[in-house]
N, C-alpha and C. Protein backbone atom coordinates (compact mmCIF):
# COMPACT_ATOMS: atom_id res chain seq x y z
N MET A 1 57.28 31.67 -32.12
CA MET A 1 56.66 31.78 -33.20
C MET A 1 55.91 30.30 -33.32
N ILE A 2 54.30 30.64 -33.79
CA ILE A 2 53.47 29.39 -33.95
C ILE A 2 53.21 29.07 -35.65
N GLU A 3 54.08 27.52 -35.62
CA GLU A 3 54.02 27.06 -37.18
C GLU A 3 52.16 26.86 -37.48
N LEU A 4 51.58 27.70 -38.20
CA LEU A 4 50.25 27.41 -38.47
C LEU A 4 50.38 26.32 -40.00
N PRO A 5 49.94 25.04 -39.39
CA PRO A 5 49.86 24.16 -41.31
C PRO A 5 48.55 24.53 -41.96
N ILE A 6 49.02 24.72 -43.45
CA ILE A 6 48.68 24.94 -44.42
C ILE A 6 47.65 23.67 -45.40
N TYR A 7 46.60 24.01 -44.92
CA TYR A 7 46.08 22.46 -46.22
C TYR A 7 45.60 23.10 -47.28
N ASN A 8 45.71 21.49 -48.14
CA ASN A 8 44.75 22.24 -49.76
C ASN A 8 42.87 21.31 -49.46
N LYS A 9 42.48 21.81 -50.47
CA LYS A 9 41.40 21.34 -50.19
C LYS A 9 40.81 19.93 -49.79
N LYS A 10 41.67 18.70 -49.99
CA LYS A 10 41.69 17.78 -49.86
C LYS A 10 41.98 17.57 -48.50
N GLY A 11 42.40 18.22 -47.68
CA GLY A 11 43.20 17.76 -46.22
C GLY A 11 44.42 17.92 -45.84
N LYS A 12 45.07 17.55 -47.32
CA LYS A 12 46.39 17.94 -46.97
C LYS A 12 47.86 19.01 -47.45
N GLN A 13 48.56 18.66 -45.99
CA GLN A 13 49.31 19.76 -45.60
C GLN A 13 50.24 19.80 -46.93
N VAL A 14 49.92 21.58 -47.07
CA VAL A 14 51.11 21.42 -48.37
C VAL A 14 52.15 22.91 -48.37
N ASP A 15 51.86 23.79 -46.74
CA ASP A 15 53.13 24.64 -46.33
C ASP A 15 52.60 25.03 -45.00
N THR A 16 53.12 25.74 -44.45
CA THR A 16 53.20 26.03 -43.34
C THR A 16 53.61 28.17 -43.37
N LEU A 17 52.68 28.38 -42.20
CA LEU A 17 52.74 29.99 -42.22
C LEU A 17 53.33 30.04 -40.96
N ASN A 18 54.10 31.00 -40.55
CA ASN A 18 54.81 31.42 -39.32
C ASN A 18 54.34 32.30 -39.04
N ILE A 19 53.57 32.30 -37.24
CA ILE A 19 53.21 33.44 -36.94
C ILE A 19 53.16 34.02 -36.01
N ASP A 20 53.82 35.38 -35.70
CA ASP A 20 54.64 35.67 -34.61
C ASP A 20 53.79 35.82 -33.08
N GLU A 21 53.16 35.19 -32.01
CA GLU A 21 52.84 36.03 -30.60
C GLU A 21 52.28 36.77 -30.55
N ALA A 22 54.11 37.69 -30.72
CA ALA A 22 53.86 39.14 -29.94
C ALA A 22 52.63 40.31 -30.74
N MET A 23 52.30 39.62 -32.05
CA MET A 23 51.11 40.53 -33.01
C MET A 23 49.66 40.17 -32.10
N LEU A 24 49.69 39.25 -31.41
CA LEU A 24 48.78 38.80 -30.98
C LEU A 24 48.39 39.07 -29.48
N GLY A 25 49.53 39.41 -29.04
CA GLY A 25 49.42 39.70 -27.38
C GLY A 25 50.08 38.87 -26.66
N SER A 26 51.32 37.93 -27.44
CA SER A 26 52.44 37.81 -27.04
C SER A 26 51.87 36.31 -26.38
N GLU A 27 50.63 36.25 -25.28
CA GLU A 27 50.12 35.43 -24.63
C GLU A 27 48.76 35.44 -24.18
N VAL A 28 48.06 34.50 -24.10
CA VAL A 28 46.52 34.57 -24.00
C VAL A 28 46.32 34.92 -22.55
N ARG A 29 45.39 36.27 -22.50
CA ARG A 29 44.77 36.78 -21.54
C ARG A 29 43.51 36.88 -21.27
N PRO A 30 42.88 35.98 -20.85
CA PRO A 30 41.31 35.65 -19.89
C PRO A 30 40.63 36.59 -19.46
N THR A 31 41.57 37.58 -19.01
CA THR A 31 40.45 38.75 -18.28
C THR A 31 40.36 39.36 -19.23
N LEU A 32 41.04 40.07 -20.30
CA LEU A 32 41.15 40.46 -21.47
C LEU A 32 40.06 39.58 -22.45
N LEU A 33 39.72 38.78 -22.90
CA LEU A 33 38.82 38.40 -23.90
C LEU A 33 37.76 38.51 -22.89
N LYS A 34 37.68 37.86 -21.40
CA LYS A 34 36.24 38.25 -21.17
C LYS A 34 35.54 39.04 -20.81
N GLN A 35 36.28 40.94 -20.56
CA GLN A 35 35.80 41.76 -20.34
C GLN A 35 35.54 42.18 -21.92
N ALA A 36 36.09 41.39 -23.25
CA ALA A 36 35.41 42.13 -25.12
C ALA A 36 34.70 41.18 -25.07
N TYR A 37 33.76 40.36 -24.22
CA TYR A 37 33.24 38.97 -24.77
C TYR A 37 31.86 39.82 -24.19
N VAL A 38 31.92 39.96 -23.14
CA VAL A 38 31.03 40.98 -22.17
C VAL A 38 30.57 42.01 -23.11
N MET A 39 31.36 42.55 -23.42
CA MET A 39 30.67 43.69 -23.72
C MET A 39 29.99 43.74 -24.91
N PHE A 40 30.49 42.65 -26.18
CA PHE A 40 29.93 42.11 -27.26
C PHE A 40 28.98 41.85 -27.06
N HIS A 41 28.60 40.92 -26.05
CA HIS A 41 26.98 39.86 -25.64
C HIS A 41 26.34 41.48 -24.83
N SER A 42 26.59 42.54 -24.38
CA SER A 42 25.74 43.40 -23.67
C SER A 42 25.42 44.11 -24.96
N ASN A 43 26.23 44.69 -25.70
CA ASN A 43 25.34 45.27 -26.91
C ASN A 43 24.57 45.11 -27.61
N ARG A 44 24.46 43.60 -28.13
CA ARG A 44 23.86 42.89 -28.89
C ARG A 44 22.16 42.75 -28.17
N ARG A 45 22.11 42.83 -27.06
CA ARG A 45 21.13 42.90 -26.62
C ARG A 45 19.72 44.07 -26.90
N GLN A 46 18.62 43.80 -27.38
CA GLN A 46 17.59 44.72 -27.62
C GLN A 46 17.49 45.51 -27.06
N GLY A 47 17.15 45.22 -25.70
CA GLY A 47 16.63 46.33 -24.45
C GLY A 47 15.09 46.41 -24.93
N SER A 48 14.47 45.50 -24.99
CA SER A 48 12.77 45.60 -24.81
C SER A 48 12.34 44.77 -23.70
N ALA A 49 13.18 44.88 -22.85
CA ALA A 49 12.16 44.75 -21.48
C ALA A 49 12.11 45.82 -20.77
N ARG A 50 10.97 46.02 -20.72
CA ARG A 50 9.93 46.96 -20.33
C ARG A 50 8.61 46.87 -19.41
N THR A 51 8.36 47.83 -18.09
CA THR A 51 6.72 47.63 -17.73
C THR A 51 5.90 49.01 -17.67
N LYS A 52 4.52 48.71 -17.71
CA LYS A 52 3.66 50.24 -18.11
C LYS A 52 3.37 50.70 -16.97
N SER A 53 3.63 52.07 -16.67
CA SER A 53 3.07 52.71 -15.58
C SER A 53 1.32 52.79 -15.72
N ARG A 54 0.53 53.57 -14.70
CA ARG A 54 -0.60 53.73 -15.05
C ARG A 54 -1.04 54.56 -16.05
N GLY A 55 0.04 55.42 -16.54
CA GLY A 55 -0.61 56.05 -17.69
C GLY A 55 -0.20 55.27 -18.79
N MET A 56 0.41 54.10 -18.87
CA MET A 56 0.74 53.33 -20.48
C MET A 56 -0.33 52.44 -20.26
N VAL A 57 -1.35 52.08 -18.96
CA VAL A 57 -1.89 50.60 -19.41
C VAL A 57 -3.59 51.32 -19.83
N GLU A 58 -4.16 50.23 -20.58
CA GLU A 58 -5.72 50.71 -20.95
C GLU A 58 -6.14 50.57 -20.11
N GLY A 59 -7.74 51.63 -20.63
CA GLY A 59 -8.30 51.44 -19.12
C GLY A 59 -9.38 52.64 -19.30
N SER A 60 -10.40 52.43 -18.75
CA SER A 60 -11.23 53.66 -18.62
C SER A 60 -10.45 54.93 -17.09
N THR A 61 -10.38 56.16 -17.40
CA THR A 61 -9.81 56.90 -16.78
C THR A 61 -11.28 57.27 -15.65
N ARG A 62 -12.27 56.67 -15.09
CA ARG A 62 -13.96 57.18 -14.88
C ARG A 62 -13.31 56.68 -13.57
N LYS A 63 -13.83 57.28 -12.73
CA LYS A 63 -13.56 57.18 -11.24
C LYS A 63 -14.53 55.88 -11.37
N ILE A 64 -14.24 54.22 -10.47
CA ILE A 64 -15.01 53.53 -9.87
C ILE A 64 -16.23 53.58 -9.77
N TYR A 65 -16.65 54.62 -8.67
CA TYR A 65 -17.73 54.90 -7.86
C TYR A 65 -16.73 56.22 -6.95
N LYS A 66 -18.52 56.55 -6.40
CA LYS A 66 -18.24 58.14 -5.90
C LYS A 66 -17.53 57.86 -5.14
N GLN A 67 -17.20 59.25 -4.53
CA GLN A 67 -16.33 59.76 -3.69
C GLN A 67 -16.63 59.17 -2.06
N LYS A 68 -18.12 59.38 -1.35
CA LYS A 68 -18.90 59.32 -0.28
C LYS A 68 -19.91 58.80 -0.80
N GLY A 69 -20.50 58.12 0.63
CA GLY A 69 -21.55 57.86 0.66
C GLY A 69 -22.20 56.25 0.36
N THR A 70 -20.81 55.64 0.09
CA THR A 70 -20.60 53.78 -0.35
C THR A 70 -20.08 53.30 1.30
N GLY A 71 -19.59 53.98 1.88
CA GLY A 71 -19.03 53.12 2.87
C GLY A 71 -17.54 52.42 2.63
N ASN A 72 -16.94 52.41 1.34
CA ASN A 72 -15.80 51.56 1.33
C ASN A 72 -14.57 53.00 1.43
N ALA A 73 -13.60 52.29 1.75
CA ALA A 73 -12.56 53.54 1.12
C ALA A 73 -12.39 54.47 -0.19
N ARG A 74 -11.85 55.59 -0.36
CA ARG A 74 -12.03 56.25 -1.89
C ARG A 74 -11.21 55.52 -2.94
N MET A 75 -11.40 55.36 -4.39
CA MET A 75 -10.91 54.68 -5.21
C MET A 75 -11.45 55.20 -6.24
N GLY A 76 -9.58 55.68 -6.62
CA GLY A 76 -9.52 56.30 -8.15
C GLY A 76 -10.29 54.82 -9.19
N GLN A 77 -9.15 55.51 -10.36
CA GLN A 77 -9.74 54.67 -11.88
C GLN A 77 -9.11 53.35 -11.46
N VAL A 78 -9.46 52.40 -12.52
CA VAL A 78 -9.02 51.25 -12.30
C VAL A 78 -7.07 50.68 -12.87
N ARG A 79 -7.43 51.86 -13.14
CA ARG A 79 -5.51 51.86 -13.78
C ARG A 79 -4.27 52.29 -13.26
N SER A 80 -5.50 52.34 -11.62
CA SER A 80 -4.43 52.47 -10.49
C SER A 80 -3.30 51.37 -9.66
N ASN A 81 -2.70 51.98 -9.38
CA ASN A 81 -1.30 50.67 -9.41
C ASN A 81 -1.58 49.12 -8.05
N ILE A 82 -2.38 50.17 -7.47
CA ILE A 82 -2.64 49.43 -6.33
C ILE A 82 -3.51 48.37 -6.86
N ARG A 83 -4.71 48.53 -8.01
CA ARG A 83 -5.88 46.67 -8.53
C ARG A 83 -4.69 46.28 -9.46
N LYS A 84 -5.13 45.02 -9.35
CA LYS A 84 -5.17 44.06 -10.22
C LYS A 84 -5.47 44.64 -11.43
N GLY A 85 -4.54 44.54 -12.65
CA GLY A 85 -3.89 44.74 -14.15
C GLY A 85 -3.74 46.12 -14.27
N GLY A 86 -3.45 46.70 -13.11
CA GLY A 86 -3.77 48.49 -13.49
C GLY A 86 -1.47 49.06 -13.73
N GLY A 87 -1.22 49.81 -13.47
CA GLY A 87 0.02 50.02 -13.82
C GLY A 87 1.25 49.68 -12.65
N VAL A 88 2.68 49.86 -13.44
CA VAL A 88 3.20 49.48 -12.32
C VAL A 88 3.69 50.99 -11.24
N THR A 89 4.10 50.80 -10.12
CA THR A 89 4.66 52.10 -9.47
C THR A 89 5.60 52.55 -10.03
N PHE A 90 7.12 52.04 -10.31
CA PHE A 90 8.22 52.77 -10.40
C PHE A 90 8.69 52.14 -11.80
N ALA A 91 7.68 52.35 -13.13
CA ALA A 91 7.50 51.49 -14.47
C ALA A 91 9.43 51.90 -14.60
N LYS A 92 9.52 50.86 -15.40
CA LYS A 92 11.16 50.96 -16.70
C LYS A 92 10.87 50.60 -17.50
N THR A 93 11.32 51.82 -18.49
CA THR A 93 11.45 51.52 -19.63
C THR A 93 13.53 51.64 -20.27
N ARG A 94 13.50 50.33 -20.52
CA ARG A 94 14.76 50.12 -20.73
C ARG A 94 15.27 49.71 -21.75
N THR A 95 15.83 50.52 -22.74
CA THR A 95 16.54 50.14 -24.31
C THR A 95 17.68 49.96 -24.72
N HIS A 96 18.57 49.41 -25.10
CA HIS A 96 19.59 48.72 -25.29
C HIS A 96 20.82 49.82 -24.86
N GLU A 97 20.53 50.79 -25.32
CA GLU A 97 21.81 52.11 -24.50
C GLU A 97 21.94 51.80 -23.07
N HIS A 98 20.90 51.08 -22.08
CA HIS A 98 20.92 51.23 -20.80
C HIS A 98 21.66 49.59 -20.85
N PHE A 99 22.04 49.28 -21.81
CA PHE A 99 23.25 47.76 -21.39
C PHE A 99 24.52 48.00 -22.23
N ARG A 100 24.34 49.12 -22.82
CA ARG A 100 26.00 49.43 -23.74
C ARG A 100 26.60 49.10 -22.96
N LYS A 101 27.75 48.25 -23.31
CA LYS A 101 29.44 48.91 -22.62
C LYS A 101 30.46 49.09 -23.55
N ASP A 102 31.58 49.65 -23.45
CA ASP A 102 32.01 50.32 -24.15
C ASP A 102 33.71 49.49 -23.57
N MET A 103 34.78 49.38 -24.47
CA MET A 103 35.79 49.73 -24.60
C MET A 103 37.07 50.64 -25.65
N PRO A 104 38.16 50.52 -25.20
CA PRO A 104 39.08 51.59 -26.04
C PRO A 104 39.15 50.74 -26.91
N LYS A 105 39.29 51.37 -28.28
CA LYS A 105 39.66 50.65 -29.34
C LYS A 105 41.08 49.90 -29.58
N LYS A 106 41.87 50.09 -28.82
CA LYS A 106 42.90 49.52 -29.03
C LYS A 106 42.89 48.25 -28.36
N MET A 107 42.22 47.97 -27.43
CA MET A 107 41.86 47.06 -26.12
C MET A 107 40.63 46.08 -26.93
N ARG A 108 39.88 46.69 -27.64
CA ARG A 108 39.20 45.57 -28.54
C ARG A 108 39.56 44.89 -30.08
N GLN A 109 40.94 46.36 -30.32
CA GLN A 109 41.57 45.05 -31.47
C GLN A 109 42.22 43.67 -30.87
N LEU A 110 42.99 44.70 -29.47
CA LEU A 110 44.00 43.78 -28.97
C LEU A 110 43.32 42.67 -28.74
N ALA A 111 41.92 42.17 -28.41
CA ALA A 111 41.19 41.15 -27.90
C ALA A 111 41.02 40.70 -29.28
N ASN A 112 40.14 41.06 -29.66
CA ASN A 112 40.43 40.38 -31.23
C ASN A 112 41.55 39.29 -32.00
N ARG A 113 42.72 39.76 -31.37
CA ARG A 113 43.85 39.68 -32.22
C ARG A 113 44.33 38.05 -31.09
N ASN A 114 43.78 38.33 -29.61
CA ASN A 114 44.00 37.57 -28.25
C ASN A 114 43.19 36.35 -28.53
N ALA A 115 42.03 37.04 -29.16
CA ALA A 115 41.16 35.04 -29.19
C ALA A 115 41.74 34.44 -30.39
N LEU A 116 41.83 35.24 -31.66
CA LEU A 116 42.95 34.32 -32.79
C LEU A 116 44.14 33.30 -31.90
N LEU A 117 45.01 34.31 -31.24
CA LEU A 117 45.97 33.60 -30.31
C LEU A 117 45.55 32.29 -30.08
N ALA A 118 44.29 32.22 -29.13
CA ALA A 118 43.85 31.04 -28.34
C ALA A 118 43.24 30.23 -29.01
N LYS A 119 42.93 30.74 -29.74
CA LYS A 119 42.53 29.50 -31.41
C LYS A 119 44.19 28.69 -31.98
N LEU A 120 44.97 29.36 -31.49
CA LEU A 120 45.98 28.91 -32.86
C LEU A 120 46.72 28.43 -31.06
N VAL A 121 46.78 28.27 -30.11
CA VAL A 121 47.69 27.91 -29.15
C VAL A 121 46.54 26.26 -28.97
N ASP A 122 45.62 26.30 -29.23
CA ASP A 122 44.74 25.09 -28.99
C ASP A 122 44.48 24.25 -30.02
N GLY A 123 45.54 25.02 -31.50
CA GLY A 123 45.12 23.82 -32.52
C GLY A 123 43.68 24.05 -33.07
N GLU A 124 42.81 25.01 -33.09
CA GLU A 124 41.42 25.53 -33.51
C GLU A 124 41.87 25.97 -34.91
N VAL A 125 42.12 26.58 -35.47
CA VAL A 125 42.52 27.34 -37.31
C VAL A 125 43.35 26.17 -38.08
N LYS A 126 42.51 26.23 -38.90
CA LYS A 126 42.41 25.30 -40.14
C LYS A 126 42.73 26.19 -41.56
N CYS A 127 43.70 26.25 -41.80
CA CYS A 127 44.09 27.39 -42.76
C CYS A 127 44.05 26.58 -44.30
N ILE A 128 43.35 27.22 -44.99
CA ILE A 128 43.16 25.90 -46.47
C ILE A 128 44.04 27.24 -47.71
N VAL A 129 44.58 26.61 -48.39
CA VAL A 129 45.64 27.15 -49.26
C VAL A 129 44.84 28.86 -49.90
N ASP A 130 42.86 27.82 -50.58
CA ASP A 130 42.32 28.85 -50.94
C ASP A 130 41.08 28.36 -50.48
N LEU A 131 40.20 29.11 -50.77
CA LEU A 131 38.43 28.99 -50.58
C LEU A 131 37.97 29.62 -51.87
N ASP A 132 38.06 29.45 -52.99
CA ASP A 132 37.55 29.94 -53.91
C ASP A 132 37.11 28.71 -55.41
N PHE A 133 35.97 28.96 -55.29
CA PHE A 133 34.89 28.19 -55.84
C PHE A 133 34.18 28.96 -57.66
N ALA A 134 34.07 28.46 -58.41
CA ALA A 134 33.53 28.77 -59.63
C ALA A 134 32.33 29.17 -59.63
N LYS A 135 31.61 28.20 -58.73
CA LYS A 135 29.78 28.91 -58.07
C LYS A 135 29.97 27.87 -57.21
N PRO A 136 28.70 28.95 -56.72
CA PRO A 136 28.55 28.07 -54.76
C PRO A 136 28.21 26.64 -54.72
N LYS A 137 28.65 25.97 -54.37
CA LYS A 137 28.81 24.76 -54.21
C LYS A 137 28.90 24.05 -52.37
N THR A 138 27.38 23.08 -51.91
CA THR A 138 27.69 23.40 -50.37
C THR A 138 28.30 22.17 -50.26
N THR A 139 27.91 21.15 -51.07
CA THR A 139 28.88 19.67 -50.61
C THR A 139 30.20 19.56 -50.91
N ASP A 140 30.85 20.52 -52.19
CA ASP A 140 32.04 20.81 -52.15
C ASP A 140 32.60 21.60 -50.86
N PHE A 141 32.29 22.26 -50.27
CA PHE A 141 32.57 23.13 -49.30
C PHE A 141 32.79 21.77 -48.05
N LYS A 142 31.48 21.14 -47.99
CA LYS A 142 31.50 20.53 -46.40
C LYS A 142 32.53 19.22 -46.56
N ALA A 143 33.12 18.79 -47.91
CA ALA A 143 33.86 17.81 -48.19
C ALA A 143 35.17 18.79 -47.75
N ILE A 144 35.79 19.81 -48.06
CA ILE A 144 36.81 20.07 -47.51
C ILE A 144 36.49 20.43 -45.63
N LEU A 145 35.64 21.22 -45.22
CA LEU A 145 35.19 20.50 -43.67
C LEU A 145 35.97 19.40 -43.50
N ASP A 146 35.13 18.28 -43.55
CA ASP A 146 35.64 16.99 -43.12
C ASP A 146 37.15 16.16 -43.68
N ALA A 147 37.27 16.92 -44.09
CA ALA A 147 39.15 16.67 -44.63
C ALA A 147 39.91 16.93 -44.08
N VAL A 148 39.47 18.84 -43.60
CA VAL A 148 40.60 19.20 -42.08
C VAL A 148 40.39 18.66 -41.11
N GLY A 149 38.99 17.93 -41.15
CA GLY A 149 39.01 17.51 -39.37
C GLY A 149 37.48 18.15 -38.95
N ILE A 150 36.71 19.02 -39.54
CA ILE A 150 35.83 19.88 -38.12
C ILE A 150 34.95 19.06 -38.04
N ASP A 151 34.41 18.79 -36.48
CA ASP A 151 33.30 17.57 -36.59
C ASP A 151 32.49 18.60 -34.52
N ARG A 152 32.91 20.02 -35.00
CA ARG A 152 32.24 21.29 -34.01
C ARG A 152 31.83 22.18 -35.04
N SER A 153 30.91 22.75 -33.95
CA SER A 153 30.71 24.39 -34.38
C SER A 153 31.97 25.24 -35.17
N CYS A 154 31.70 25.72 -36.02
CA CYS A 154 32.79 26.31 -37.17
C CYS A 154 32.52 27.85 -37.70
N LEU A 155 33.67 28.33 -37.56
CA LEU A 155 33.43 29.83 -38.00
C LEU A 155 33.86 29.92 -39.14
N VAL A 156 33.46 30.70 -40.52
CA VAL A 156 34.13 30.50 -41.72
C VAL A 156 34.62 31.88 -42.34
N ALA A 157 35.92 32.52 -41.90
CA ALA A 157 36.08 33.67 -42.34
C ALA A 157 36.71 33.52 -43.64
N VAL A 158 36.22 34.75 -44.68
CA VAL A 158 36.29 34.77 -45.99
C VAL A 158 36.85 36.34 -46.31
N ASP A 159 36.91 36.95 -47.29
CA ASP A 159 37.30 38.07 -47.88
C ASP A 159 35.52 38.56 -48.35
N SER A 160 35.84 39.71 -48.68
CA SER A 160 34.43 40.25 -48.12
C SER A 160 34.15 39.71 -49.99
N GLU A 161 34.86 39.70 -50.97
CA GLU A 161 34.73 39.63 -52.33
C GLU A 161 34.51 38.11 -52.71
N ASN A 162 34.95 37.14 -51.53
CA ASN A 162 34.46 35.56 -52.11
C ASN A 162 33.39 35.07 -51.68
N ARG A 163 32.29 35.54 -52.35
CA ARG A 163 31.04 35.52 -52.14
C ARG A 163 30.57 33.73 -52.20
N ASN A 164 31.23 33.03 -53.25
CA ASN A 164 31.05 32.09 -54.03
C ASN A 164 30.99 31.19 -52.61
N ALA A 165 32.46 31.40 -51.82
CA ALA A 165 32.52 30.93 -50.63
C ALA A 165 31.53 30.70 -49.51
N ALA A 166 31.09 32.17 -49.19
CA ALA A 166 30.48 32.49 -47.83
C ALA A 166 29.06 31.99 -48.45
N VAL A 167 28.19 31.92 -49.75
CA VAL A 167 27.09 31.40 -50.32
C VAL A 167 27.50 29.39 -49.36
N SER A 168 28.50 29.03 -50.52
CA SER A 168 28.49 27.44 -50.23
C SER A 168 28.55 26.93 -48.48
N ALA A 169 29.22 27.69 -47.69
CA ALA A 169 29.53 27.12 -46.28
C ALA A 169 27.82 27.65 -45.38
N ARG A 170 26.78 28.71 -45.53
CA ARG A 170 26.02 29.30 -44.75
C ARG A 170 24.77 28.12 -44.61
N ASN A 171 24.42 27.40 -45.36
CA ASN A 171 23.61 26.10 -45.22
C ASN A 171 23.95 24.96 -44.53
N ILE A 172 25.41 25.07 -44.12
CA ILE A 172 25.80 23.77 -43.62
C ILE A 172 25.60 23.95 -41.94
N GLU A 173 24.67 23.05 -41.46
CA GLU A 173 24.83 23.26 -40.01
C GLU A 173 25.51 23.06 -39.07
N HIS A 174 25.63 23.78 -38.16
CA HIS A 174 26.88 24.57 -37.08
C HIS A 174 27.49 24.97 -37.43
N VAL A 175 27.89 25.78 -38.86
CA VAL A 175 28.56 26.51 -39.36
C VAL A 175 28.24 27.78 -39.88
N ASP A 176 28.95 28.91 -39.50
CA ASP A 176 29.08 30.42 -39.68
C ASP A 176 30.18 31.55 -40.52
N THR A 177 29.48 31.78 -41.35
CA THR A 177 30.57 32.83 -42.24
C THR A 177 30.78 34.46 -41.39
N ILE A 178 31.82 34.50 -42.08
CA ILE A 178 32.31 36.43 -41.29
C ILE A 178 33.15 36.96 -42.18
N ARG A 179 33.63 37.67 -42.77
CA ARG A 179 33.77 38.80 -43.47
C ARG A 179 34.92 38.77 -42.32
N VAL A 180 36.71 39.02 -42.80
CA VAL A 180 37.49 38.54 -42.30
C VAL A 180 38.14 39.80 -41.20
N ASP A 181 37.77 40.85 -42.37
CA ASP A 181 37.69 41.95 -41.56
C ASP A 181 36.90 42.29 -39.75
N GLN A 182 35.68 41.53 -39.99
CA GLN A 182 34.62 41.57 -38.81
C GLN A 182 35.20 40.77 -37.89
N LEU A 183 35.83 39.74 -38.29
CA LEU A 183 36.40 38.66 -36.95
C LEU A 183 36.65 39.69 -35.59
N ASN A 184 35.65 38.77 -34.69
CA ASN A 184 35.78 39.69 -33.39
C ASN A 184 35.66 38.44 -32.04
N VAL A 185 36.44 38.71 -30.99
CA VAL A 185 36.55 38.09 -30.00
C VAL A 185 34.79 37.30 -29.73
N PHE A 186 33.75 38.01 -29.82
CA PHE A 186 32.54 36.99 -29.67
C PHE A 186 32.07 36.05 -30.39
N GLU A 187 32.49 36.39 -31.73
CA GLU A 187 31.99 35.28 -32.88
C GLU A 187 33.37 33.56 -32.76
N LEU A 188 34.48 34.03 -32.30
CA LEU A 188 36.10 33.48 -32.50
C LEU A 188 35.56 32.49 -31.17
N LEU A 189 34.89 33.13 -29.87
CA LEU A 189 34.93 32.36 -28.88
C LEU A 189 33.58 31.34 -28.93
N ASN A 190 32.91 32.09 -29.58
CA ASN A 190 31.64 30.97 -29.85
C ASN A 190 31.31 29.77 -30.59
N HIS A 191 32.92 29.43 -31.28
CA HIS A 191 33.09 28.30 -32.41
C HIS A 191 34.20 27.73 -31.87
N ARG A 192 34.14 26.38 -32.19
CA ARG A 192 34.99 25.81 -31.91
C ARG A 192 36.40 25.61 -32.67
N TYR A 193 35.95 25.75 -33.70
CA TYR A 193 36.94 26.13 -35.06
C TYR A 193 37.00 27.01 -35.99
N LEU A 194 38.05 27.28 -36.50
CA LEU A 194 38.55 28.57 -37.42
C LEU A 194 38.65 28.25 -38.97
N VAL A 195 37.89 28.39 -39.76
CA VAL A 195 38.60 28.07 -40.96
C VAL A 195 38.65 29.19 -42.08
N VAL A 196 39.73 29.41 -42.45
CA VAL A 196 40.22 30.61 -43.50
C VAL A 196 41.23 30.47 -44.08
N ASP A 197 41.25 30.94 -44.91
CA ASP A 197 41.64 30.68 -46.42
C ASP A 197 43.15 31.86 -46.16
N LYS A 198 44.36 30.98 -46.98
CA LYS A 198 45.94 32.08 -46.01
C LYS A 198 46.33 33.50 -46.75
N ALA A 199 45.02 33.86 -47.71
CA ALA A 199 45.14 35.43 -48.10
C ALA A 199 44.62 35.88 -47.19
N SER A 200 43.43 35.17 -46.58
CA SER A 200 42.63 36.33 -45.54
C SER A 200 43.44 36.26 -44.54
N MET A 201 43.75 35.05 -43.76
CA MET A 201 44.74 34.73 -42.38
C MET A 201 45.66 36.11 -42.12
N GLU A 202 46.62 36.33 -43.68
CA GLU A 202 48.03 37.39 -43.39
C GLU A 202 47.05 38.59 -43.70
N ALA A 203 46.00 38.86 -44.83
CA ALA A 203 44.79 40.19 -44.52
C ALA A 203 44.64 40.61 -43.00
N PHE A 204 44.32 39.11 -42.42
CA PHE A 204 43.98 39.78 -40.47
C PHE A 204 45.72 40.25 -39.69
N LEU A 205 46.18 38.96 -40.38
CA LEU A 205 47.24 39.78 -39.60
C LEU A 205 47.87 40.87 -39.53
N ASP A 206 48.05 41.32 -40.95
CA ASP A 206 48.92 42.54 -41.15
C ASP A 206 48.41 43.82 -41.45
N GLY A 207 46.88 43.89 -41.10
CA GLY A 207 45.95 44.89 -41.37
C GLY A 207 45.66 44.88 -42.15
N SER A 208 45.90 44.40 -43.56
CA SER A 208 45.18 45.03 -44.48
C SER A 208 43.88 44.83 -45.16
N ALA A 209 43.39 43.91 -44.66
CA ALA A 209 41.91 43.58 -44.75
C ALA A 209 40.96 44.96 -44.17
N TRP A 210 40.87 45.34 -43.08
CA TRP A 210 40.35 46.81 -42.57
C TRP A 210 40.79 47.95 -43.69
N LYS A 211 41.89 48.14 -44.05
CA LYS A 211 42.31 49.22 -45.29
C LYS A 211 41.62 48.75 -46.53
N LYS A 212 41.65 47.98 -47.03
CA LYS A 212 40.86 47.44 -48.07
C LYS A 212 39.61 47.85 -48.46
N GLU A 213 38.78 47.78 -47.02
CA GLU A 213 37.36 47.88 -46.69
C GLU A 213 36.85 49.26 -46.69
N GLU A 214 37.96 49.52 -46.07
CA GLU A 214 37.86 51.45 -46.01
C GLU A 214 38.17 51.96 -47.24
N GLU A 215 38.48 51.30 -48.08
CA GLU A 215 39.12 52.02 -49.47
C GLU A 215 37.51 51.94 -50.17
N ALA A 216 37.22 50.39 -50.20
CA ALA A 216 36.05 50.24 -50.79
C ALA A 216 35.22 51.04 -50.54
N ALA A 217 34.86 51.50 -49.05
CA ALA A 217 33.81 52.07 -48.50
C ALA A 217 33.72 53.80 -49.16
């Protein structure tokens, strides 16, 4: 059982949240995390790398010079693949589908939870009692991060309805925000710390975060 400290906005521990490791995969699984990370990374590729065939290259289709009588070898148009500036012999046109990878749904879900377990084991999850703000205020949010010891890159996970917290955090350097129902292994491993409020953490653990978004949709 992992005991996650709960802090108030001034950085003082006021409570503890007990988390069962079995809910998150029991132990950190590096192979699964790498497989999921590579999948997320590949699926983000734009797939815009491509080369042009002779039909795609701009230029005249006129024969460069006549077939006979010049003493030179036969030569076609300037877009020929053997001439400088011509098309590529075996042109490749790749879209994002060429790089796309997939994993079974249950493996993806386990990888997302296991990434959270890795953060918990390393003490890189900072759970706040609440992240409610009357209005967006970047300086107030920065004060919370400083109070709980955030000194590296940070991912802030909040409920989709908590817009004030998301707006307050988005202008801070090296801080990114994400909806708690969209937490994934790629974002978790790309940031040193995870900052989340207690209600959002509980919603992620019991699965109610996804149910809420599905009902809203």
